[in-house]
Amino acid sequence: MNPAEGFNNMANSPVYYWVQGYMSAANIALLEGDSQYVDLSLMGEKKLLPMIHEFCQKNPGKKPIALIDQLIEDTDKVEGKWKSGTIPWAADDD
């Protein structure tokens, strides 16, 4: 990875797209549980790529998912309208 190269670096793109997909799925769970979500428009490549790169350099024995999970937890949430049970696998088993 080289965050300064943006999407011109072949390693940056798949990392960024994976994180965006993971955070999108997390948003479904957040909406299903609390009708809140993380505004992914604030999570552009210029924010995420350097953050992931730095985390990996400082924590070679840890997986970057730990950083992303913490980011999701720490980020201010936005209220959203969501009909519970819209996504069957995300709904609680009753």
N, C-alpha and C. Protein backbone atom coordinates (compact mmCIF):
# COMPACT_ATOMS: atom_id res chain seq x y z
N MET A 1 0.82 -1.19 0.00
CA MET A 1 0.00 0.00 0.00
C MET A 1 0.87 1.25 0.00
N ASN A 2 0.37 2.24 -0.70
CA ASN A 2 0.97 3.56 -0.65
C ASN A 2 -0.18 4.57 -0.74
N PRO A 3 -0.69 5.01 0.41
CA PRO A 3 -1.86 5.88 0.42
C PRO A 3 -1.72 7.14 -0.43
N ALA A 4 -0.51 7.68 -0.54
CA ALA A 4 -0.30 8.91 -1.31
C ALA A 4 -0.61 8.72 -2.79
N GLU A 5 -0.53 7.49 -3.28
CA GLU A 5 -0.80 7.21 -4.68
C GLU A 5 -2.28 7.00 -4.98
N GLY A 6 -3.12 7.00 -3.95
CA GLY A 6 -4.56 6.82 -4.16
C GLY A 6 -4.85 5.54 -4.92
N PHE A 7 -5.79 5.64 -5.85
CA PHE A 7 -6.19 4.45 -6.61
C PHE A 7 -5.23 4.12 -7.74
N ASN A 8 -4.15 4.89 -7.89
CA ASN A 8 -3.11 4.54 -8.87
C ASN A 8 -2.25 3.39 -8.36
N ASN A 9 -2.31 3.12 -7.07
CA ASN A 9 -1.57 2.00 -6.48
C ASN A 9 -2.49 0.79 -6.45
N MET A 10 -2.06 -0.30 -7.04
CA MET A 10 -2.90 -1.49 -7.19
C MET A 10 -3.35 -2.11 -5.86
N ALA A 11 -2.60 -1.93 -4.80
CA ALA A 11 -2.98 -2.50 -3.51
C ALA A 11 -4.04 -1.65 -2.80
N ASN A 12 -4.07 -0.37 -3.07
CA ASN A 12 -4.98 0.52 -2.37
C ASN A 12 -6.44 0.25 -2.70
N SER A 13 -6.74 0.03 -3.96
CA SER A 13 -8.13 -0.13 -4.39
C SER A 13 -8.85 -1.28 -3.72
N PRO A 14 -8.31 -2.51 -3.76
CA PRO A 14 -9.06 -3.61 -3.13
C PRO A 14 -9.22 -3.43 -1.62
N VAL A 15 -8.23 -2.85 -0.98
CA VAL A 15 -8.34 -2.60 0.46
C VAL A 15 -9.49 -1.62 0.72
N TYR A 16 -9.50 -0.53 0.00
CA TYR A 16 -10.53 0.49 0.19
C TYR A 16 -11.92 -0.07 -0.12
N TYR A 17 -12.07 -0.78 -1.21
CA TYR A 17 -13.38 -1.30 -1.59
C TYR A 17 -13.86 -2.36 -0.59
N TRP A 18 -12.95 -3.15 -0.07
CA TRP A 18 -13.33 -4.14 0.95
C TRP A 18 -13.84 -3.41 2.20
N VAL A 19 -13.13 -2.39 2.64
CA VAL A 19 -13.54 -1.64 3.83
C VAL A 19 -14.91 -1.00 3.61
N GLN A 20 -15.14 -0.42 2.45
CA GLN A 20 -16.44 0.19 2.16
C GLN A 20 -17.55 -0.87 2.20
N GLY A 21 -17.31 -2.03 1.67
CA GLY A 21 -18.30 -3.11 1.71
C GLY A 21 -18.56 -3.58 3.13
N TYR A 22 -17.51 -3.72 3.89
CA TYR A 22 -17.64 -4.16 5.29
C TYR A 22 -18.43 -3.14 6.08
N MET A 23 -18.12 -1.86 5.88
CA MET A 23 -18.83 -0.82 6.62
C MET A 23 -20.28 -0.70 6.16
N SER A 24 -20.55 -0.97 4.90
CA SER A 24 -21.93 -0.98 4.42
C SER A 24 -22.73 -2.08 5.11
N ALA A 25 -22.14 -3.25 5.23
CA ALA A 25 -22.81 -4.34 5.93
C ALA A 25 -23.01 -4.01 7.40
N ALA A 26 -22.03 -3.36 8.01
CA ALA A 26 -22.16 -2.95 9.41
C ALA A 26 -23.30 -1.95 9.55
N ASN A 27 -23.47 -1.09 8.55
CA ASN A 27 -24.57 -0.13 8.60
C ASN A 27 -25.92 -0.82 8.61
N ILE A 28 -26.06 -1.92 7.90
CA ILE A 28 -27.32 -2.67 7.93
C ILE A 28 -27.60 -3.15 9.35
N ALA A 29 -26.58 -3.69 9.99
CA ALA A 29 -26.76 -4.16 11.37
C ALA A 29 -27.07 -3.00 12.30
N LEU A 30 -26.40 -1.87 12.12
CA LEU A 30 -26.66 -0.69 12.96
C LEU A 30 -28.09 -0.18 12.76
N LEU A 31 -28.52 -0.11 11.52
CA LEU A 31 -29.88 0.34 11.23
C LEU A 31 -30.91 -0.64 11.80
N GLU A 32 -30.64 -1.89 11.65
CA GLU A 32 -31.56 -2.93 12.15
C GLU A 32 -31.68 -2.85 13.67
N GLY A 33 -30.58 -2.55 14.34
CA GLY A 33 -30.59 -2.54 15.81
C GLY A 33 -31.03 -1.23 16.42
N ASP A 34 -30.52 -0.10 15.90
CA ASP A 34 -30.74 1.19 16.57
C ASP A 34 -31.24 2.30 15.64
N SER A 35 -31.55 1.97 14.40
CA SER A 35 -31.95 2.96 13.40
C SER A 35 -30.91 4.07 13.26
N GLN A 36 -29.64 3.68 13.33
CA GLN A 36 -28.53 4.61 13.14
C GLN A 36 -27.55 3.99 12.16
N TYR A 37 -26.72 4.86 11.56
CA TYR A 37 -25.71 4.37 10.63
C TYR A 37 -24.52 5.32 10.60
N VAL A 38 -23.43 4.85 10.02
CA VAL A 38 -22.23 5.65 9.82
C VAL A 38 -22.31 6.26 8.43
N ASP A 39 -22.10 7.56 8.34
CA ASP A 39 -22.12 8.25 7.05
C ASP A 39 -20.84 7.89 6.29
N LEU A 40 -20.97 7.01 5.32
CA LEU A 40 -19.79 6.54 4.58
C LEU A 40 -19.22 7.60 3.65
N SER A 41 -19.96 8.66 3.40
CA SER A 41 -19.39 9.72 2.56
C SER A 41 -18.23 10.42 3.27
N LEU A 42 -18.14 10.24 4.58
CA LEU A 42 -17.03 10.80 5.36
C LEU A 42 -15.82 9.86 5.38
N MET A 43 -15.96 8.69 4.77
CA MET A 43 -14.92 7.66 4.83
C MET A 43 -14.28 7.46 3.46
N GLY A 44 -13.78 8.54 2.90
CA GLY A 44 -13.13 8.47 1.59
C GLY A 44 -11.75 7.85 1.67
N GLU A 45 -11.17 7.63 0.51
CA GLU A 45 -9.86 6.97 0.45
C GLU A 45 -8.77 7.81 1.10
N LYS A 46 -8.91 9.13 1.09
CA LYS A 46 -7.88 9.98 1.69
C LYS A 46 -7.89 9.90 3.21
N LYS A 47 -8.98 9.46 3.77
CA LYS A 47 -9.05 9.24 5.22
C LYS A 47 -8.67 7.80 5.56
N LEU A 48 -9.30 6.85 4.87
CA LEU A 48 -9.15 5.44 5.25
C LEU A 48 -7.79 4.85 4.90
N LEU A 49 -7.29 5.11 3.71
CA LEU A 49 -6.03 4.47 3.30
C LEU A 49 -4.85 4.82 4.21
N PRO A 50 -4.63 6.10 4.53
CA PRO A 50 -3.53 6.40 5.45
C PRO A 50 -3.74 5.79 6.83
N MET A 51 -4.99 5.78 7.29
CA MET A 51 -5.31 5.23 8.60
C MET A 51 -4.98 3.73 8.65
N ILE A 52 -5.37 3.00 7.62
CA ILE A 52 -5.11 1.56 7.56
C ILE A 52 -3.61 1.29 7.43
N HIS A 53 -2.95 2.06 6.57
CA HIS A 53 -1.51 1.88 6.36
C HIS A 53 -0.75 2.09 7.67
N GLU A 54 -1.08 3.17 8.37
CA GLU A 54 -0.41 3.46 9.64
C GLU A 54 -0.68 2.38 10.68
N PHE A 55 -1.92 1.93 10.75
CA PHE A 55 -2.27 0.87 11.70
C PHE A 55 -1.46 -0.39 11.42
N CYS A 56 -1.37 -0.77 10.16
CA CYS A 56 -0.63 -1.99 9.80
C CYS A 56 0.86 -1.86 10.10
N GLN A 57 1.43 -0.68 9.88
CA GLN A 57 2.84 -0.48 10.19
C GLN A 57 3.10 -0.56 11.69
N LYS A 58 2.21 0.00 12.48
CA LYS A 58 2.38 0.01 13.93
C LYS A 58 1.98 -1.30 14.60
N ASN A 59 1.15 -2.10 13.94
CA ASN A 59 0.61 -3.31 14.52
C ASN A 59 0.73 -4.49 13.56
N PRO A 60 1.95 -4.91 13.24
CA PRO A 60 2.11 -5.96 12.22
C PRO A 60 1.46 -7.29 12.60
N GLY A 61 1.22 -7.52 13.87
CA GLY A 61 0.61 -8.78 14.29
C GLY A 61 -0.91 -8.73 14.37
N LYS A 62 -1.49 -7.56 14.10
CA LYS A 62 -2.94 -7.41 14.19
C LYS A 62 -3.55 -7.29 12.81
N LYS A 63 -4.83 -7.65 12.73
CA LYS A 63 -5.55 -7.54 11.47
C LYS A 63 -6.22 -6.16 11.40
N PRO A 64 -6.23 -5.55 10.23
CA PRO A 64 -6.81 -4.22 10.09
C PRO A 64 -8.30 -4.16 10.41
N ILE A 65 -8.97 -5.29 10.44
CA ILE A 65 -10.39 -5.30 10.80
C ILE A 65 -10.60 -4.73 12.20
N ALA A 66 -9.62 -4.89 13.08
CA ALA A 66 -9.72 -4.33 14.43
C ALA A 66 -9.84 -2.81 14.36
N LEU A 67 -9.09 -2.19 13.47
CA LEU A 67 -9.15 -0.74 13.27
C LEU A 67 -10.52 -0.34 12.74
N ILE A 68 -11.02 -1.06 11.76
CA ILE A 68 -12.29 -0.71 11.14
C ILE A 68 -13.44 -0.88 12.13
N ASP A 69 -13.42 -1.96 12.91
CA ASP A 69 -14.44 -2.15 13.93
C ASP A 69 -14.43 -1.01 14.95
N GLN A 70 -13.24 -0.59 15.34
CA GLN A 70 -13.13 0.53 16.30
C GLN A 70 -13.62 1.83 15.67
N LEU A 71 -13.29 2.03 14.41
CA LEU A 71 -13.74 3.22 13.69
C LEU A 71 -15.27 3.27 13.64
N ILE A 72 -15.89 2.15 13.33
CA ILE A 72 -17.35 2.07 13.28
C ILE A 72 -17.93 2.40 14.65
N GLU A 73 -17.34 1.83 15.68
CA GLU A 73 -17.84 2.06 17.04
C GLU A 73 -17.68 3.53 17.46
N ASP A 74 -16.55 4.14 17.13
CA ASP A 74 -16.24 5.49 17.61
C ASP A 74 -16.88 6.61 16.79
N THR A 75 -17.24 6.33 15.56
CA THR A 75 -17.78 7.37 14.67
C THR A 75 -19.19 7.76 15.09
N ASP A 76 -19.45 9.07 15.09
CA ASP A 76 -20.80 9.55 15.38
C ASP A 76 -21.76 8.95 14.37
N LYS A 77 -22.93 8.56 14.85
CA LYS A 77 -23.92 7.93 13.99
C LYS A 77 -24.98 8.94 13.57
N VAL A 78 -25.63 8.62 12.46
CA VAL A 78 -26.70 9.43 11.91
C VAL A 78 -28.00 8.64 12.10
N GLU A 79 -29.06 9.35 12.49
CA GLU A 79 -30.36 8.70 12.62
C GLU A 79 -30.89 8.36 11.23
N GLY A 80 -31.47 7.19 11.09
CA GLY A 80 -32.03 6.79 9.81
C GLY A 80 -33.36 6.10 9.99
N LYS A 81 -34.15 6.12 8.96
CA LYS A 81 -35.43 5.41 8.98
C LYS A 81 -35.19 4.03 8.39
N TRP A 82 -35.66 3.03 9.09
CA TRP A 82 -35.42 1.66 8.67
C TRP A 82 -36.55 0.80 9.16
N LYS A 83 -37.09 0.00 8.30
CA LYS A 83 -38.14 -0.94 8.69
C LYS A 83 -37.48 -2.23 9.14
N SER A 84 -37.57 -2.53 10.42
CA SER A 84 -36.94 -3.73 10.97
C SER A 84 -37.40 -4.97 10.22
N GLY A 85 -36.46 -5.85 9.94
CA GLY A 85 -36.77 -7.09 9.23
C GLY A 85 -36.69 -6.97 7.73
N THR A 86 -36.27 -5.81 7.23
CA THR A 86 -36.18 -5.61 5.78
C THR A 86 -35.18 -6.60 5.16
N ILE A 87 -34.11 -6.85 5.87
CA ILE A 87 -33.10 -7.81 5.43
C ILE A 87 -33.27 -9.05 6.32
N PRO A 88 -33.80 -10.15 5.80
CA PRO A 88 -34.13 -11.30 6.65
C PRO A 88 -32.97 -11.80 7.49
N TRP A 89 -31.76 -11.85 6.96
CA TRP A 89 -30.64 -12.38 7.75
C TRP A 89 -30.20 -11.43 8.84
N ALA A 90 -30.62 -10.16 8.77
CA ALA A 90 -30.24 -9.20 9.79
C ALA A 90 -31.28 -9.11 10.89
N ALA A 91 -32.48 -9.64 10.64
CA ALA A 91 -33.55 -9.55 11.62
C ALA A 91 -33.32 -10.54 12.76
N ASP A 92 -33.82 -10.17 13.92
CA ASP A 92 -33.72 -11.08 15.09
C ASP A 92 -34.59 -12.30 14.86
N ASP A 93 -34.12 -13.44 15.33
CA ASP A 93 -34.94 -14.64 15.30
C ASP A 93 -35.93 -14.57 16.45
N ASP A 94 -37.20 -14.65 16.15
CA ASP A 94 -38.23 -14.61 17.20
C ASP A 94 -38.84 -15.97 17.43
